[in-house]
Amino acid sequence: MAVQILRRPKAIEDIEEIADYIAADSLQAAMRFLENTESTLQGLAEFPSSGGFFIRNIPSWQVCGFAESRVSQIM
């Protein structure tokens, strides 16, 4: 059963800023980043206990194809 993903305003702003930064070099890469971020969030909704990389005991998941970008779960 999928859980609901809460998109906080600051998280949305950060994602948009990252996409804008990427778009300065490649609009196609920025679109891919946004699509992969959404796909990562959907995967997290479907499998909330799936593996993850921990930074300071905060679970996070890498955005597919963007090694430096992570989605974090903060409770």
C-alpha atoms as a PDB file:
ATOM      1  CA  MET A   1       0.000   0.000   0.000  1.00  0.00           C
ATOM      2  CA  ALA A   2       1.412   3.388  -0.990  1.00  0.00           C
ATOM      3  CA  VAL A   3       1.786   6.120   1.586  1.00  0.00           C
ATOM      4  CA  GLN A   4       1.186   9.799   0.938  1.00  0.00           C
ATOM      5  CA  ILE A   5       4.301  11.860   0.251  1.00  0.00           C
ATOM      6  CA  LEU A   6       4.276  15.272   1.865  1.00  0.00           C
ATOM      7  CA  ARG A   7       5.995  17.865  -0.309  1.00  0.00           C
ATOM      8  CA  ARG A   8       7.083  20.697   1.935  1.00  0.00           C
ATOM      9  CA  PRO A   9       7.322  24.168   0.335  1.00  0.00           C
ATOM     10  CA  LYS A  10      11.082  24.403   1.011  1.00  0.00           C
ATOM     11  CA  ALA A  11      11.670  21.004  -0.595  1.00  0.00           C
ATOM     12  CA  ILE A  12       9.705  22.058  -3.686  1.00  0.00           C
ATOM     13  CA  GLU A  13      11.683  25.302  -3.837  1.00  0.00           C
ATOM     14  CA  ASP A  14      14.988  23.402  -3.544  1.00  0.00           C
ATOM     15  CA  ILE A  15      14.018  20.983  -6.328  1.00  0.00           C
ATOM     16  CA  GLU A  16      13.013  23.867  -8.596  1.00  0.00           C
ATOM     17  CA  GLU A  17      16.277  25.707  -7.877  1.00  0.00           C
ATOM     18  CA  ILE A  18      18.305  22.585  -8.681  1.00  0.00           C
ATOM     19  CA  ALA A  19      16.345  22.118 -11.923  1.00  0.00           C
ATOM     20  CA  ASP A  20      16.948  25.777 -12.858  1.00  0.00           C
ATOM     21  CA  TYR A  21      20.661  25.352 -12.220  1.00  0.00           C
ATOM     22  CA  ILE A  22      20.793  22.214 -14.378  1.00  0.00           C
ATOM     23  CA  ALA A  23      18.699  23.917 -17.103  1.00  0.00           C
ATOM     24  CA  ALA A  24      21.367  26.604 -17.502  1.00  0.00           C
ATOM     25  CA  ASP A  25      23.466  23.879 -19.158  1.00  0.00           C
ATOM     26  CA  SER A  26      20.795  21.504 -20.438  1.00  0.00           C
ATOM     27  CA  LEU A  27      17.026  21.837 -20.455  1.00  0.00           C
ATOM     28  CA  GLN A  28      16.753  18.147 -21.304  1.00  0.00           C
ATOM     29  CA  ALA A  29      18.845  17.182 -18.246  1.00  0.00           C
ATOM     30  CA  ALA A  30      16.725  19.460 -16.035  1.00  0.00           C
ATOM     31  CA  MET A  31      13.538  17.799 -17.269  1.00  0.00           C
ATOM     32  CA  ARG A  32      15.106  14.379 -16.668  1.00  0.00           C
ATOM     33  CA  PHE A  33      16.042  15.492 -13.128  1.00  0.00           C
ATOM     34  CA  LEU A  34      12.451  16.556 -12.398  1.00  0.00           C
ATOM     35  CA  GLU A  35      11.025  13.324 -13.848  1.00  0.00           C
ATOM     36  CA  ASN A  36      13.506  11.180 -11.918  1.00  0.00           C
ATOM     37  CA  THR A  37      12.850  13.090  -8.697  1.00  0.00           C
ATOM     38  CA  GLU A  38       9.119  12.445  -9.078  1.00  0.00           C
ATOM     39  CA  SER A  39       9.824   8.786  -9.874  1.00  0.00           C
ATOM     40  CA  THR A  40      11.993   8.514  -6.746  1.00  0.00           C
ATOM     41  CA  LEU A  41       9.214  10.039  -4.631  1.00  0.00           C
ATOM     42  CA  GLN A  42       6.657   7.629  -6.109  1.00  0.00           C
ATOM     43  CA  GLY A  43       8.965   4.708  -5.348  1.00  0.00           C
ATOM     44  CA  LEU A  44       9.309   5.949  -1.787  1.00  0.00           C
ATOM     45  CA  ALA A  45       5.508   6.167  -1.515  1.00  0.00           C
ATOM     46  CA  GLU A  46       5.123   2.586  -2.724  1.00  0.00           C
ATOM     47  CA  PHE A  47       7.981   1.155  -0.651  1.00  0.00           C
ATOM     48  CA  PRO A  48       8.551   3.491   2.323  1.00  0.00           C
ATOM     49  CA  SER A  49      10.789   1.014   4.137  1.00  0.00           C
ATOM     50  CA  SER A  50      13.027   0.321   1.170  1.00  0.00           C
ATOM     51  CA  GLY A  51      16.773   0.690   1.558  1.00  0.00           C
ATOM     52  CA  GLY A  52      18.335   4.054   1.882  1.00  0.00           C
ATOM     53  CA  PHE A  53      21.515   5.956   2.448  1.00  0.00           C
ATOM     54  CA  PHE A  54      21.753   7.586   5.847  1.00  0.00           C
ATOM     55  CA  ILE A  55      23.218  11.000   6.509  1.00  0.00           C
ATOM     56  CA  ARG A  56      23.177  11.913  10.201  1.00  0.00           C
ATOM     57  CA  ASN A  57      20.602   9.164  10.832  1.00  0.00           C
ATOM     58  CA  ILE A  58      18.176  10.680   8.297  1.00  0.00           C
ATOM     59  CA  PRO A  59      17.128   8.171   5.623  1.00  0.00           C
ATOM     60  CA  SER A  60      17.533   9.434   2.074  1.00  0.00           C
ATOM     61  CA  TRP A  61      17.324   8.024  -1.437  1.00  0.00           C
ATOM     62  CA  GLN A  62      19.433   8.960  -4.444  1.00  0.00           C
ATOM     63  CA  VAL A  63      17.576  10.471  -7.397  1.00  0.00           C
ATOM     64  CA  CYS A  64      18.173   8.015 -10.245  1.00  0.00           C
ATOM     65  CA  GLY A  65      20.808   9.362 -12.629  1.00  0.00           C
ATOM     66  CA  PHE A  66      21.761  12.278 -10.355  1.00  0.00           C
ATOM     67  CA  ALA A  67      24.337  11.051  -7.840  1.00  0.00           C
ATOM     68  CA  GLU A  68      24.524  14.331  -5.952  1.00  0.00           C
ATOM     69  CA  SER A  69      20.746  14.660  -5.423  1.00  0.00           C
ATOM     70  CA  ARG A  70      18.874  12.893  -2.657  1.00  0.00           C
ATOM     71  CA  VAL A  71      15.314  12.755  -1.375  1.00  0.00           C
ATOM     72  CA  SER A  72      15.163  12.683   2.430  1.00  0.00           C
ATOM     73  CA  GLN A  73      12.531  11.462   4.805  1.00  0.00           C
ATOM     74  CA  ILE A  74      12.249  13.642   7.876  1.00  0.00           C
ATOM     75  CA  MET A  75       9.650  12.761  10.464  1.00  0.00           C
END
